[in-house]
């Protein structure tokens, strides 16, 4: 769906995500590194720096799926299409756990890139 699909019902959270969450601009970071990486290394960054890369309906390329080129709401809250259609709160991850954060913010990446997960650290 992309994060803009969340904006209509979650305007405040979306505004904070755009203003404060670094992940809302995560694709810019890997684009800066593209010339220093092999094509395979560059694509390996998509797993954490885009939304749904390698999954059905997820990021394919900046040209084909621009709405998914950054790490958006669905990275942490799960796919949003059923939630958007039904408006059922049970159709989306409401409370994000450290287990979800650890998909990208794991020990190896924390050491390699010197970043730490900030649960509720400005994303909402």
PDB file of N, CA and C in Angstrom:
ATOM      1  N   UNK A   1       0.826  -1.193   0.000  1.00  0.00           N
ATOM      2  CA  UNK A   1       0.000   0.000   0.000  1.00  0.00           C
ATOM      3  C   UNK A   1       0.873   1.261   0.000  1.00  0.00           C
ATOM      4  N   UNK A   2       1.908   1.253   0.787  1.00  0.00           N
ATOM      5  CA  UNK A   2       2.718   2.455   0.956  1.00  0.00           C
ATOM      6  C   UNK A   2       2.193   3.298   2.104  1.00  0.00           C
ATOM      7  N   UNK A   3       3.049   4.088   2.684  1.00  0.00           N
ATOM      8  CA  UNK A   3       2.707   4.866   3.878  1.00  0.00           C
ATOM      9  C   UNK A   3       1.648   5.931   3.625  1.00  0.00           C
ATOM     10  N   UNK A   4       1.574   6.473   2.423  1.00  0.00           N
ATOM     11  CA  UNK A   4       0.559   7.489   2.145  1.00  0.00           C
ATOM     12  C   UNK A   4      -0.848   6.950   2.331  1.00  0.00           C
ATOM     13  N   UNK A   5      -1.034   5.646   2.167  1.00  0.00           N
ATOM     14  CA  UNK A   5      -2.353   5.037   2.372  1.00  0.00           C
ATOM     15  C   UNK A   5      -2.771   5.129   3.839  1.00  0.00           C
ATOM     16  N   UNK A   6      -1.821   5.280   4.739  1.00  0.00           N
ATOM     17  CA  UNK A   6      -2.113   5.358   6.169  1.00  0.00           C
ATOM     18  C   UNK A   6      -2.493   6.775   6.596  1.00  0.00           C
ATOM     19  N   UNK A   7      -2.101   7.740   5.794  1.00  0.00           N
ATOM     20  CA  UNK A   7      -2.234   9.155   6.147  1.00  0.00           C
ATOM     21  C   UNK A   7      -3.676   9.572   6.419  1.00  0.00           C
ATOM     22  N   UNK A   8      -4.624   9.080   5.637  1.00  0.00           N
ATOM     23  CA  UNK A   8      -6.014   9.518   5.763  1.00  0.00           C
ATOM     24  C   UNK A   8      -6.568   9.308   7.171  1.00  0.00           C
ATOM     25  N   UNK A   9      -6.304   8.158   7.757  1.00  0.00           N
ATOM     26  CA  UNK A   9      -6.822   7.846   9.097  1.00  0.00           C
ATOM     27  C   UNK A   9      -5.826   8.125  10.217  1.00  0.00           C
ATOM     28  N   UNK A  10      -4.550   8.173   9.886  1.00  0.00           N
ATOM     29  CA  UNK A  10      -3.494   8.327  10.900  1.00  0.00           C
ATOM     30  C   UNK A  10      -2.641   9.546  10.556  1.00  0.00           C
ATOM     31  N   UNK A  11      -3.303  10.680  10.431  1.00  0.00           N
ATOM     32  CA  UNK A  11      -2.643  11.909   9.961  1.00  0.00           C
ATOM     33  C   UNK A  11      -1.496  12.341  10.880  1.00  0.00           C
ATOM     34  N   UNK A  12      -1.726  12.323  12.178  1.00  0.00           N
ATOM     35  CA  UNK A  12      -0.698  12.753  13.138  1.00  0.00           C
ATOM     36  C   UNK A  12       0.520  11.824  13.089  1.00  0.00           C
ATOM     37  N   UNK A  13       0.264  10.517  13.093  1.00  0.00           N
ATOM     38  CA  UNK A  13       1.347   9.538  13.053  1.00  0.00           C
ATOM     39  C   UNK A  13       2.127   9.659  11.741  1.00  0.00           C
ATOM     40  N   UNK A  14       1.414   9.856  10.652  1.00  0.00           N
ATOM     41  CA  UNK A  14       2.062   9.997   9.347  1.00  0.00           C
ATOM     42  C   UNK A  14       2.941  11.251   9.322  1.00  0.00           C
ATOM     43  N   UNK A  15       2.431  12.356   9.844  1.00  0.00           N
ATOM     44  CA  UNK A  15       3.212  13.605   9.879  1.00  0.00           C
ATOM     45  C   UNK A  15       4.487  13.425  10.697  1.00  0.00           C
ATOM     46  N   UNK A  16       4.385  12.753  11.840  1.00  0.00           N
ATOM     47  CA  UNK A  16       5.578  12.496  12.661  1.00  0.00           C
ATOM     48  C   UNK A  16       6.551  11.570  11.954  1.00  0.00           C
ATOM     49  N   UNK A  17       6.022  10.559  11.283  1.00  0.00           N
ATOM     50  CA  UNK A  17       6.871   9.635  10.512  1.00  0.00           C
ATOM     51  C   UNK A  17       7.661  10.414   9.457  1.00  0.00           C
ATOM     52  N   UNK A  18       6.993  11.236   8.697  1.00  0.00           N
ATOM     53  CA  UNK A  18       7.659  12.010   7.633  1.00  0.00           C
ATOM     54  C   UNK A  18       8.676  12.980   8.222  1.00  0.00           C
ATOM     55  N   UNK A  19       8.331  13.636   9.312  1.00  0.00           N
ATOM     56  CA  UNK A  19       9.218  14.647   9.888  1.00  0.00           C
ATOM     57  C   UNK A  19      10.376  14.061  10.692  1.00  0.00           C
ATOM     58  N   UNK A  20      10.121  13.012  11.471  1.00  0.00           N
ATOM     59  CA  UNK A  20      11.119  12.554  12.435  1.00  0.00           C
ATOM     60  C   UNK A  20      11.778  11.206  12.144  1.00  0.00           C
ATOM     61  N   UNK A  21      11.094  10.323  11.464  1.00  0.00           N
ATOM     62  CA  UNK A  21      11.633   8.978  11.273  1.00  0.00           C
ATOM     63  C   UNK A  21      12.634   8.952  10.123  1.00  0.00           C
ATOM     64  N   UNK A  22      13.855   8.586  10.417  1.00  0.00           N
ATOM     65  CA  UNK A  22      14.882   8.485   9.373  1.00  0.00           C
ATOM     66  C   UNK A  22      14.499   7.470   8.303  1.00  0.00           C
ATOM     67  N   UNK A  23      13.723   6.474   8.703  1.00  0.00           N
ATOM     68  CA  UNK A  23      13.352   5.451   7.734  1.00  0.00           C
ATOM     69  C   UNK A  23      12.455   6.001   6.632  1.00  0.00           C
ATOM     70  N   UNK A  24      11.828   7.160   6.858  1.00  0.00           N
ATOM     71  CA  UNK A  24      10.993   7.759   5.814  1.00  0.00           C
ATOM     72  C   UNK A  24      11.839   8.268   4.648  1.00  0.00           C
ATOM     73  N   UNK A  25      13.155   8.306   4.842  1.00  0.00           N
ATOM     74  CA  UNK A  25      14.097   8.729   3.790  1.00  0.00           C
ATOM     75  C   UNK A  25      15.203   7.685   3.601  1.00  0.00           C
ATOM     76  N   UNK A  26      14.912   6.446   3.962  1.00  0.00           N
ATOM     77  CA  UNK A  26      15.936   5.408   3.999  1.00  0.00           C
ATOM     78  C   UNK A  26      16.522   5.070   2.626  1.00  0.00           C
ATOM     79  N   UNK A  27      15.747   5.225   1.581  1.00  0.00           N
ATOM     80  CA  UNK A  27      16.255   4.885   0.253  1.00  0.00           C
ATOM     81  C   UNK A  27      17.362   5.851  -0.175  1.00  0.00           C
ATOM     82  N   UNK A  28      17.275   7.112   0.259  1.00  0.00           N
ATOM     83  CA  UNK A  28      18.317   8.101  -0.053  1.00  0.00           C
ATOM     84  C   UNK A  28      19.677   7.618   0.447  1.00  0.00           C
ATOM     85  N   UNK A  29      19.692   6.985   1.612  1.00  0.00           N
ATOM     86  CA  UNK A  29      20.960   6.527   2.192  1.00  0.00           C
ATOM     87  C   UNK A  29      21.633   5.469   1.332  1.00  0.00           C
ATOM     88  N   UNK A  30      20.858   4.541   0.795  1.00  0.00           N
ATOM     89  CA  UNK A  30      21.502   3.506  -0.023  1.00  0.00           C
ATOM     90  C   UNK A  30      21.842   4.041  -1.416  1.00  0.00           C
ATOM     91  N   UNK A  31      21.074   5.004  -1.906  1.00  0.00           N
ATOM     92  CA  UNK A  31      21.407   5.595  -3.209  1.00  0.00           C
ATOM     93  C   UNK A  31      22.764   6.306  -3.153  1.00  0.00           C
ATOM     94  N   UNK A  32      23.057   6.923  -2.017  1.00  0.00           N
ATOM     95  CA  UNK A  32      24.344   7.601  -1.840  1.00  0.00           C
ATOM     96  C   UNK A  32      25.507   6.618  -1.916  1.00  0.00           C
ATOM     97  N   UNK A  33      25.251   5.382  -1.529  1.00  0.00           N
ATOM     98  CA  UNK A  33      26.301   4.363  -1.487  1.00  0.00           C
ATOM     99  C   UNK A  33      26.382   3.528  -2.764  1.00  0.00           C
ATOM    100  N   UNK A  34      25.450   3.689  -3.679  1.00  0.00           N
ATOM    101  CA  UNK A  34      25.328   2.807  -4.832  1.00  0.00           C
ATOM    102  C   UNK A  34      26.633   2.641  -5.606  1.00  0.00           C
ATOM    103  N   UNK A  35      27.358   3.707  -5.840  1.00  0.00           N
ATOM    104  CA  UNK A  35      28.601   3.637  -6.618  1.00  0.00           C
ATOM    105  C   UNK A  35      29.726   2.910  -5.891  1.00  0.00           C
ATOM    106  N   UNK A  36      29.590   2.733  -4.592  1.00  0.00           N
ATOM    107  CA  UNK A  36      30.617   2.052  -3.802  1.00  0.00           C
ATOM    108  C   UNK A  36      30.281   0.587  -3.557  1.00  0.00           C
ATOM    109  N   UNK A  37      29.132   0.142  -4.066  1.00  0.00           N
ATOM    110  CA  UNK A  37      28.669  -1.220  -3.818  1.00  0.00           C
ATOM    111  C   UNK A  37      28.530  -1.992  -5.118  1.00  0.00           C
ATOM    112  N   UNK A  38      28.670  -3.297  -5.014  1.00  0.00           N
ATOM    113  CA  UNK A  38      28.370  -4.138  -6.177  1.00  0.00           C
ATOM    114  C   UNK A  38      26.845  -4.157  -6.336  1.00  0.00           C
ATOM    115  N   UNK A  39      26.337  -4.516  -7.507  1.00  0.00           N
ATOM    116  CA  UNK A  39      24.883  -4.602  -7.666  1.00  0.00           C
ATOM    117  C   UNK A  39      24.228  -5.522  -6.631  1.00  0.00           C
ATOM    118  N   UNK A  40      24.869  -6.627  -6.302  1.00  0.00           N
ATOM    119  CA  UNK A  40      24.311  -7.551  -5.305  1.00  0.00           C
ATOM    120  C   UNK A  40      24.302  -6.916  -3.913  1.00  0.00           C
ATOM    121  N   UNK A  41      25.375  -6.225  -3.548  1.00  0.00           N
ATOM    122  CA  UNK A  41      25.424  -5.549  -2.248  1.00  0.00           C
ATOM    123  C   UNK A  41      24.341  -4.476  -2.171  1.00  0.00           C
ATOM    124  N   UNK A  42      24.196  -3.725  -3.244  1.00  0.00           N
ATOM    125  CA  UNK A  42      23.188  -2.669  -3.300  1.00  0.00           C
ATOM    126  C   UNK A  42      21.789  -3.257  -3.087  1.00  0.00           C
ATOM    127  N   UNK A  43      21.470  -4.328  -3.799  1.00  0.00           N
ATOM    128  CA  UNK A  43      20.148  -4.949  -3.653  1.00  0.00           C
ATOM    129  C   UNK A  43      19.948  -5.546  -2.264  1.00  0.00           C
ATOM    130  N   UNK A  44      21.024  -5.972  -1.620  1.00  0.00           N
ATOM    131  CA  UNK A  44      20.875  -6.537  -0.274  1.00  0.00           C
ATOM    132  C   UNK A  44      20.421  -5.475   0.729  1.00  0.00           C
ATOM    133  N   UNK A  45      20.641  -4.215   0.425  1.00  0.00           N
ATOM    134  CA  UNK A  45      20.198  -3.119   1.298  1.00  0.00           C
ATOM    135  C   UNK A  45      18.679  -2.943   1.261  1.00  0.00           C
ATOM    136  N   UNK A  46      18.050  -3.386   0.164  1.00  0.00           N
ATOM    137  CA  UNK A  46      16.610  -3.199  -0.011  1.00  0.00           C
ATOM    138  C   UNK A  46      15.792  -3.876   1.085  1.00  0.00           C
ATOM    139  N   UNK A  47      16.300  -4.954   1.642  1.00  0.00           N
ATOM    140  CA  UNK A  47      15.559  -5.703   2.657  1.00  0.00           C
ATOM    141  C   UNK A  47      15.141  -4.812   3.831  1.00  0.00           C
ATOM    142  N   UNK A  48      16.022  -3.922   4.253  1.00  0.00           N
ATOM    143  CA  UNK A  48      15.720  -3.062   5.396  1.00  0.00           C
ATOM    144  C   UNK A  48      15.414  -1.616   5.017  1.00  0.00           C
ATOM    145  N   UNK A  49      15.832  -1.195   3.854  1.00  0.00           N
ATOM    146  CA  UNK A  49      15.672   0.205   3.473  1.00  0.00           C
ATOM    147  C   UNK A  49      14.480   0.468   2.579  1.00  0.00           C
ATOM    148  N   UNK A  50      13.681  -0.564   2.279  1.00  0.00           N
ATOM    149  CA  UNK A  50      12.463  -0.402   1.487  1.00  0.00           C
ATOM    150  C   UNK A  50      11.337  -1.166   2.186  1.00  0.00           C
ATOM    151  N   UNK A  51      10.159  -1.100   1.610  1.00  0.00           N
ATOM    152  CA  UNK A  51       9.005  -1.788   2.187  1.00  0.00           C
ATOM    153  C   UNK A  51       8.664  -3.031   1.371  1.00  0.00           C
ATOM    154  N   UNK A  52       8.796  -4.173   1.992  1.00  0.00           N
ATOM    155  CA  UNK A  52       8.351  -5.431   1.401  1.00  0.00           C
ATOM    156  C   UNK A  52       9.209  -6.005   0.295  1.00  0.00           C
ATOM    157  N   UNK A  53      10.471  -5.627   0.221  1.00  0.00           N
ATOM    158  CA  UNK A  53      11.334  -6.155  -0.837  1.00  0.00           C
ATOM    159  C   UNK A  53      11.404  -7.680  -0.741  1.00  0.00           C
ATOM    160  N   UNK A  54      11.220  -8.329  -1.877  1.00  0.00           N
ATOM    161  CA  UNK A  54      11.272  -9.783  -1.930  1.00  0.00           C
ATOM    162  C   UNK A  54       9.977 -10.460  -1.523  1.00  0.00           C
ATOM    163  N   UNK A  55       8.961  -9.680  -1.188  1.00  0.00           N
ATOM    164  CA  UNK A  55       7.673 -10.238  -0.781  1.00  0.00           C
ATOM    165  C   UNK A  55       6.613  -9.837  -1.806  1.00  0.00           C
ATOM    166  N   UNK A  56       5.561 -10.622  -1.891  1.00  0.00           N
ATOM    167  CA  UNK A  56       4.477 -10.331  -2.811  1.00  0.00           C
ATOM    168  C   UNK A  56       3.910  -8.940  -2.526  1.00  0.00           C
ATOM    169  N   UNK A  57       3.821  -8.124  -3.564  1.00  0.00           N
ATOM    170  CA  UNK A  57       3.286  -6.776  -3.423  1.00  0.00           C
ATOM    171  C   UNK A  57       4.277  -5.778  -2.873  1.00  0.00           C
ATOM    172  N   UNK A  58       5.525  -6.193  -2.641  1.00  0.00           N
ATOM    173  CA  UNK A  58       6.527  -5.312  -2.051  1.00  0.00           C
ATOM    174  C   UNK A  58       7.338  -4.557  -3.077  1.00  0.00           C
ATOM    175  N   UNK A  59       8.339  -3.849  -2.582  1.00  0.00           N
ATOM    176  CA  UNK A  59       9.216  -3.033  -3.412  1.00  0.00           C
ATOM    177  C   UNK A  59       9.873  -3.878  -4.492  1.00  0.00           C
ATOM    178  N   UNK A  60       9.853  -3.339  -5.722  1.00  0.00           N
ATOM    179  CA  UNK A  60      10.508  -3.982  -6.858  1.00  0.00           C
ATOM    180  C   UNK A  60      11.646  -3.101  -7.343  1.00  0.00           C
ATOM    181  N   UNK A  61      11.338  -1.831  -7.615  1.00  0.00           N
ATOM    182  CA  UNK A  61      12.343  -0.866  -8.048  1.00  0.00           C
ATOM    183  C   UNK A  61      11.786   0.529  -7.817  1.00  0.00           C
ATOM    184  N   UNK A  62      12.680   1.496  -7.847  1.00  0.00           N
ATOM    185  CA  UNK A  62      12.261   2.884  -7.645  1.00  0.00           C
ATOM    186  C   UNK A  62      11.276   3.318  -8.732  1.00  0.00           C
ATOM    187  N   UNK A  63      11.452   2.792  -9.938  1.00  0.00           N
ATOM    188  CA  UNK A  63      10.576   3.149 -11.058  1.00  0.00           C
ATOM    189  C   UNK A  63       9.218   2.437 -10.977  1.00  0.00           C
ATOM    190  N   UNK A  64       9.220   1.161 -10.623  1.00  0.00           N
ATOM    191  CA  UNK A  64       7.978   0.368 -10.626  1.00  0.00           C
ATOM    192  C   UNK A  64       7.143   0.536  -9.365  1.00  0.00           C
ATOM    193  N   UNK A  65       7.781   0.726  -8.220  1.00  0.00           N
ATOM    194  CA  UNK A  65       7.052   0.813  -6.948  1.00  0.00           C
ATOM    195  C   UNK A  65       7.598   1.969  -6.097  1.00  0.00           C
ATOM    196  N   UNK A  66       7.519   3.199  -6.592  1.00  0.00           N
ATOM    197  CA  UNK A  66       8.090   4.328  -5.851  1.00  0.00           C
ATOM    198  C   UNK A  66       7.463   4.549  -4.482  1.00  0.00           C
ATOM    199  N   UNK A  67       6.210   4.148  -4.310  1.00  0.00           N
ATOM    200  CA  UNK A  67       5.522   4.330  -3.025  1.00  0.00           C
ATOM    201  C   UNK A  67       6.077   3.412  -1.939  1.00  0.00           C
ATOM    202  N   UNK A  68       6.906   2.446  -2.335  1.00  0.00           N
ATOM    203  CA  UNK A  68       7.488   1.495  -1.378  1.00  0.00           C
ATOM    204  C   UNK A  68       9.002   1.633  -1.268  1.00  0.00           C
ATOM    205  N   UNK A  69       9.552   2.711  -1.810  1.00  0.00           N
ATOM    206  CA  UNK A  69      11.013   2.813  -1.872  1.00  0.00           C
ATOM    207  C   UNK A  69      11.668   3.136  -0.536  1.00  0.00           C
ATOM    208  N   UNK A  70      10.932   3.570   0.442  1.00  0.00           N
ATOM    209  CA  UNK A  70      11.487   3.802   1.775  1.00  0.00           C
ATOM    210  C   UNK A  70      10.931   2.767   2.750  1.00  0.00           C
ATOM    211  N   UNK A  71      11.537   2.676   3.910  1.00  0.00           N
ATOM    212  CA  UNK A  71      11.017   1.790   4.957  1.00  0.00           C
ATOM    213  C   UNK A  71       9.807   2.483   5.572  1.00  0.00           C
ATOM    214  N   UNK A  72       8.633   2.051   5.182  1.00  0.00           N
ATOM    215  CA  UNK A  72       7.403   2.708   5.595  1.00  0.00           C
ATOM    216  C   UNK A  72       6.683   2.029   6.735  1.00  0.00           C
ATOM    217  N   UNK A  73       5.467   2.473   6.951  1.00  0.00           N
ATOM    218  CA  UNK A  73       4.629   1.984   8.045  1.00  0.00           C
ATOM    219  C   UNK A  73       4.501   0.461   8.049  1.00  0.00           C
ATOM    220  N   UNK A  74       4.386  -0.126   6.854  1.00  0.00           N
ATOM    221  CA  UNK A  74       4.148  -1.559   6.750  1.00  0.00           C
ATOM    222  C   UNK A  74       5.359  -2.403   7.126  1.00  0.00           C
ATOM    223  N   UNK A  75       6.541  -1.818   7.179  1.00  0.00           N
ATOM    224  CA  UNK A  75       7.723  -2.557   7.624  1.00  0.00           C
ATOM    225  C   UNK A  75       7.525  -3.013   9.067  1.00  0.00           C
ATOM    226  N   UNK A  76       6.986  -2.147   9.891  1.00  0.00           N
ATOM    227  CA  UNK A  76       6.785  -2.456  11.301  1.00  0.00           C
ATOM    228  C   UNK A  76       5.384  -2.983  11.602  1.00  0.00           C
ATOM    229  N   UNK A  77       4.386  -2.478  10.885  1.00  0.00           N
ATOM    230  CA  UNK A  77       2.999  -2.807  11.193  1.00  0.00           C
ATOM    231  C   UNK A  77       2.407  -3.893  10.305  1.00  0.00           C
ATOM    232  N   UNK A  78       3.184  -4.386   9.350  1.00  0.00           N
ATOM    233  CA  UNK A  78       2.717  -5.442   8.469  1.00  0.00           C
ATOM    234  C   UNK A  78       1.947  -4.901   7.275  1.00  0.00           C
ATOM    235  N   UNK A  79       1.645  -5.771   6.323  1.00  0.00           N
ATOM    236  CA  UNK A  79       0.916  -5.352   5.129  1.00  0.00           C
ATOM    237  C   UNK A  79      -0.403  -4.685   5.504  1.00  0.00           C
ATOM    238  N   UNK A  80      -0.709  -3.585   4.832  1.00  0.00           N
ATOM    239  CA  UNK A  80      -1.862  -2.784   5.236  1.00  0.00           C
ATOM    240  C   UNK A  80      -3.109  -2.919   4.398  1.00  0.00           C
ATOM    241  N   UNK A  81      -3.078  -3.660   3.308  1.00  0.00           N
ATOM    242  CA  UNK A  81      -4.233  -3.666   2.405  1.00  0.00           C
ATOM    243  C   UNK A  81      -5.518  -4.148   3.082  1.00  0.00           C
ATOM    244  N   UNK A  82      -5.467  -5.219   3.841  1.00  0.00           N
ATOM    245  CA  UNK A  82      -6.677  -5.719   4.507  1.00  0.00           C
ATOM    246  C   UNK A  82      -7.175  -4.736   5.565  1.00  0.00           C
ATOM    247  N   UNK A  83      -6.269  -4.110   6.271  1.00  0.00           N
ATOM    248  CA  UNK A  83      -6.633  -3.117   7.279  1.00  0.00           C
ATOM    249  C   UNK A  83      -7.277  -1.894   6.620  1.00  0.00           C
ATOM    250  N   UNK A  84      -6.704  -1.432   5.523  1.00  0.00           N
ATOM    251  CA  UNK A  84      -7.254  -0.270   4.825  1.00  0.00           C
ATOM    252  C   UNK A  84      -8.655  -0.578   4.302  1.00  0.00           C
ATOM    253  N   UNK A  85      -8.832  -1.750   3.721  1.00  0.00           N
ATOM    254  CA  UNK A  85     -10.139  -2.137   3.177  1.00  0.00           C
ATOM    255  C   UNK A  85     -11.200  -2.286   4.264  1.00  0.00           C
ATOM    256  N   UNK A  86     -10.847  -2.934   5.359  1.00  0.00           N
ATOM    257  CA  UNK A  86     -11.828  -3.265   6.396  1.00  0.00           C
ATOM    258  C   UNK A  86     -11.897  -2.244   7.526  1.00  0.00           C
ATOM    259  N   UNK A  87     -10.826  -1.467   7.717  1.00  0.00           N
ATOM    260  CA  UNK A  87     -10.659  -0.564   8.857  1.00  0.00           C
ATOM    261  C   UNK A  87     -10.682  -1.326  10.188  1.00  0.00           C
ATOM    262  N   UNK A  88     -10.438  -2.628  10.119  1.00  0.00           N
ATOM    263  CA  UNK A  88     -10.412  -3.486  11.301  1.00  0.00           C
ATOM    264  C   UNK A  88      -9.026  -3.397  11.945  1.00  0.00           C
ATOM    265  N   UNK A  89      -8.939  -2.944  13.195  1.00  0.00           N
ATOM    266  CA  UNK A  89      -7.638  -2.829  13.855  1.00  0.00           C
ATOM    267  C   UNK A  89      -6.929  -4.164  14.055  1.00  0.00           C
ATOM    268  N   UNK A  90      -7.677  -5.257  14.001  1.00  0.00           N
ATOM    269  CA  UNK A  90      -7.059  -6.574  14.152  1.00  0.00           C
ATOM    270  C   UNK A  90      -6.358  -7.038  12.876  1.00  0.00           C
ATOM    271  N   UNK A  91      -6.501  -6.290  11.797  1.00  0.00           N
ATOM    272  CA  UNK A  91      -5.905  -6.671  10.517  1.00  0.00           C
ATOM    273  C   UNK A  91      -4.548  -5.994  10.290  1.00  0.00           C
ATOM    274  N   UNK A  92      -3.961  -5.460  11.359  1.00  0.00           N
ATOM    275  CA  UNK A  92      -2.650  -4.792  11.271  1.00  0.00           C
ATOM    276  C   UNK A  92      -1.955  -4.965  12.622  1.00  0.00           C
ATOM    277  N   UNK A  93      -0.651  -4.904  12.641  1.00  0.00           N
ATOM    278  CA  UNK A  93       0.095  -4.982  13.905  1.00  0.00           C
ATOM    279  C   UNK A  93       0.000  -3.624  14.582  1.00  0.00           C
ATOM    280  N   UNK A  94      -0.716  -3.575  15.694  1.00  0.00           N
ATOM    281  CA  UNK A  94      -0.903  -2.317  16.411  1.00  0.00           C
ATOM    282  C   UNK A  94       0.248  -1.998  17.346  1.00  0.00           C
ATOM    283  N   UNK A  95       0.678  -2.991  18.081  1.00  0.00           N
ATOM    284  CA  UNK A  95       1.777  -2.795  19.033  1.00  0.00           C
ATOM    285  C   UNK A  95       3.024  -3.468  18.478  1.00  0.00           C
ATOM    286  N   UNK A  96       3.993  -2.659  18.146  1.00  0.00           N
ATOM    287  CA  UNK A  96       5.237  -3.158  17.563  1.00  0.00           C
ATOM    288  C   UNK A  96       6.146  -3.661  18.675  1.00  0.00           C
ATOM    289  N   UNK A  97       6.729  -4.824  18.465  1.00  0.00           N
ATOM    290  CA  UNK A  97       7.612  -5.432  19.456  1.00  0.00           C
ATOM    291  C   UNK A  97       9.067  -5.320  19.010  1.00  0.00           C
ATOM    292  N   UNK A  98       9.966  -5.549  19.936  1.00  0.00           N
ATOM    293  CA  UNK A  98      11.385  -5.554  19.608  1.00  0.00           C
ATOM    294  C   UNK A  98      11.711  -6.661  18.613  1.00  0.00           C
ATOM    295  N   UNK A  99      10.961  -7.748  18.630  1.00  0.00           N
ATOM    296  CA  UNK A  99      11.163  -8.832  17.669  1.00  0.00           C
ATOM    297  C   UNK A  99      11.014  -8.301  16.234  1.00  0.00           C
ATOM    298  N   UNK A 100      10.050  -7.447  16.022  1.00  0.00           N
ATOM    299  CA  UNK A 100       9.857  -6.841  14.703  1.00  0.00           C
ATOM    300  C   UNK A 100      11.024  -5.912  14.381  1.00  0.00           C
ATOM    301  N   UNK A 101      11.438  -5.107  15.334  1.00  0.00           N
ATOM    302  CA  UNK A 101      12.574  -4.191  15.124  1.00  0.00           C
ATOM    303  C   UNK A 101      13.846  -4.963  14.772  1.00  0.00           C
ATOM    304  N   UNK A 102      14.016  -6.109  15.437  1.00  0.00           N
ATOM    305  CA  UNK A 102      15.236  -6.900  15.270  1.00  0.00           C
ATOM    306  C   UNK A 102      15.387  -7.513  13.886  1.00  0.00           C
ATOM    307  N   UNK A 103      14.349  -7.482  13.083  1.00  0.00           N
ATOM    308  CA  UNK A 103      14.490  -7.967  11.711  1.00  0.00           C
ATOM    309  C   UNK A 103      15.571  -7.175  10.983  1.00  0.00           C
ATOM    310  N   UNK A 104      15.619  -5.887  11.224  1.00  0.00           N
ATOM    311  CA  UNK A 104      16.657  -5.043  10.611  1.00  0.00           C
ATOM    312  C   UNK A 104      17.682  -4.561  11.629  1.00  0.00           C
ATOM    313  N   UNK A 105      17.224  -4.228  12.798  1.00  0.00           N
ATOM    314  CA  UNK A 105      18.112  -3.710  13.842  1.00  0.00           C
ATOM    315  C   UNK A 105      18.652  -4.867  14.676  1.00  0.00           C
ATOM    316  N   UNK A 106      19.384  -5.759  14.005  1.00  0.00           N
ATOM    317  CA  UNK A 106      19.938  -6.918  14.710  1.00  0.00           C
ATOM    318  C   UNK A 106      21.382  -6.640  15.131  1.00  0.00           C
ATOM    319  N   UNK A 107      21.941  -7.531  15.904  1.00  0.00           N
ATOM    320  CA  UNK A 107      23.281  -7.340  16.476  1.00  0.00           C
ATOM    321  C   UNK A 107      24.338  -7.038  15.422  1.00  0.00           C
ATOM    322  N   UNK A 108      24.342  -7.787  14.336  1.00  0.00           N
ATOM    323  CA  UNK A 108      25.352  -7.575  13.299  1.00  0.00           C
ATOM    324  C   UNK A 108      25.242  -6.190  12.675  1.00  0.00           C
ATOM    325  N   UNK A 109      24.040  -5.762  12.394  1.00  0.00           N
ATOM    326  CA  UNK A 109      23.856  -4.452  11.771  1.00  0.00           C
ATOM    327  C   UNK A 109      24.126  -3.321  12.750  1.00  0.00           C
ATOM    328  N   UNK A 110      23.767  -3.514  14.008  1.00  0.00           N
ATOM    329  CA  UNK A 110      24.058  -2.490  15.010  1.00  0.00           C
ATOM    330  C   UNK A 110      25.557  -2.264  15.092  1.00  0.00           C
ATOM    331  N   UNK A 111      26.329  -3.335  15.101  1.00  0.00           N
ATOM    332  CA  UNK A 111      27.780  -3.208  15.161  1.00  0.00           C
ATOM    333  C   UNK A 111      28.349  -2.638  13.862  1.00  0.00           C
ATOM    334  N   UNK A 112      27.835  -3.063  12.718  1.00  0.00           N
ATOM    335  CA  UNK A 112      28.369  -2.621  11.433  1.00  0.00           C
ATOM    336  C   UNK A 112      28.044  -1.161  11.142  1.00  0.00           C
ATOM    337  N   UNK A 113      26.840  -0.719  11.503  1.00  0.00           N
ATOM    338  CA  UNK A 113      26.406   0.628  11.137  1.00  0.00           C
ATOM    339  C   UNK A 113      26.255   1.564  12.327  1.00  0.00           C
ATOM    340  N   UNK A 114      26.503   1.069  13.528  1.00  0.00           N
ATOM    341  CA  UNK A 114      26.443   1.870  14.749  1.00  0.00           C
ATOM    342  C   UNK A 114      25.088   2.543  14.924  1.00  0.00           C
ATOM    343  N   UNK A 115      24.014   1.797  14.747  1.00  0.00           N
ATOM    344  CA  UNK A 115      22.699   2.348  15.054  1.00  0.00           C
ATOM    345  C   UNK A 115      21.957   1.424  15.990  1.00  0.00           C
ATOM    346  N   UNK A 116      20.979   1.984  16.663  1.00  0.00           N
ATOM    347  CA  UNK A 116      20.215   1.231  17.642  1.00  0.00           C
ATOM    348  C   UNK A 116      18.729   1.425  17.365  1.00  0.00           C
ATOM    349  N   UNK A 117      17.929   0.402  17.654  1.00  0.00           N
ATOM    350  CA  UNK A 117      16.487   0.572  17.468  1.00  0.00           C
ATOM    351  C   UNK A 117      15.932   1.544  18.502  1.00  0.00           C
ATOM    352  N   UNK A 118      15.070   2.406  18.057  1.00  0.00           N
ATOM    353  CA  UNK A 118      14.425   3.349  18.952  1.00  0.00           C
ATOM    354  C   UNK A 118      12.926   3.125  18.870  1.00  0.00           C
ATOM    355  N   UNK A 119      12.438   2.200  19.651  1.00  0.00           N
ATOM    356  CA  UNK A 119      11.008   1.936  19.651  1.00  0.00           C
ATOM    357  C   UNK A 119      10.299   3.195  20.154  1.00  0.00           C
ATOM    358  N   UNK A 120       9.387   3.697  19.377  1.00  0.00           N
ATOM    359  CA  UNK A 120       8.679   4.954  19.652  1.00  0.00           C
ATOM    360  C   UNK A 120       9.638   6.133  19.697  1.00  0.00           C
ATOM    361  N   UNK A 121      10.717   6.061  18.962  1.00  0.00           N
ATOM    362  CA  UNK A 121      11.719   7.129  18.964  1.00  0.00           C
ATOM    363  C   UNK A 121      11.463   8.181  17.906  1.00  0.00           C
ATOM    364  N   UNK A 122      10.265   8.704  17.818  1.00  0.00           N
ATOM    365  CA  UNK A 122       9.977   9.758  16.859  1.00  0.00           C
ATOM    366  C   UNK A 122       9.211   9.293  15.653  1.00  0.00           C
ATOM    367  N   UNK A 123       9.041   7.988  15.469  1.00  0.00           N
ATOM    368  CA  UNK A 123       8.328   7.509  14.300  1.00  0.00           C
ATOM    369  C   UNK A 123       6.840   7.816  14.380  1.00  0.00           C
ATOM    370  N   UNK A 124       6.296   7.912  15.558  1.00  0.00           N
ATOM    371  CA  UNK A 124       4.885   8.262  15.717  1.00  0.00           C
ATOM    372  C   UNK A 124       4.804   9.567  16.449  1.00  0.00           C
TER     373      UNK A 124
END
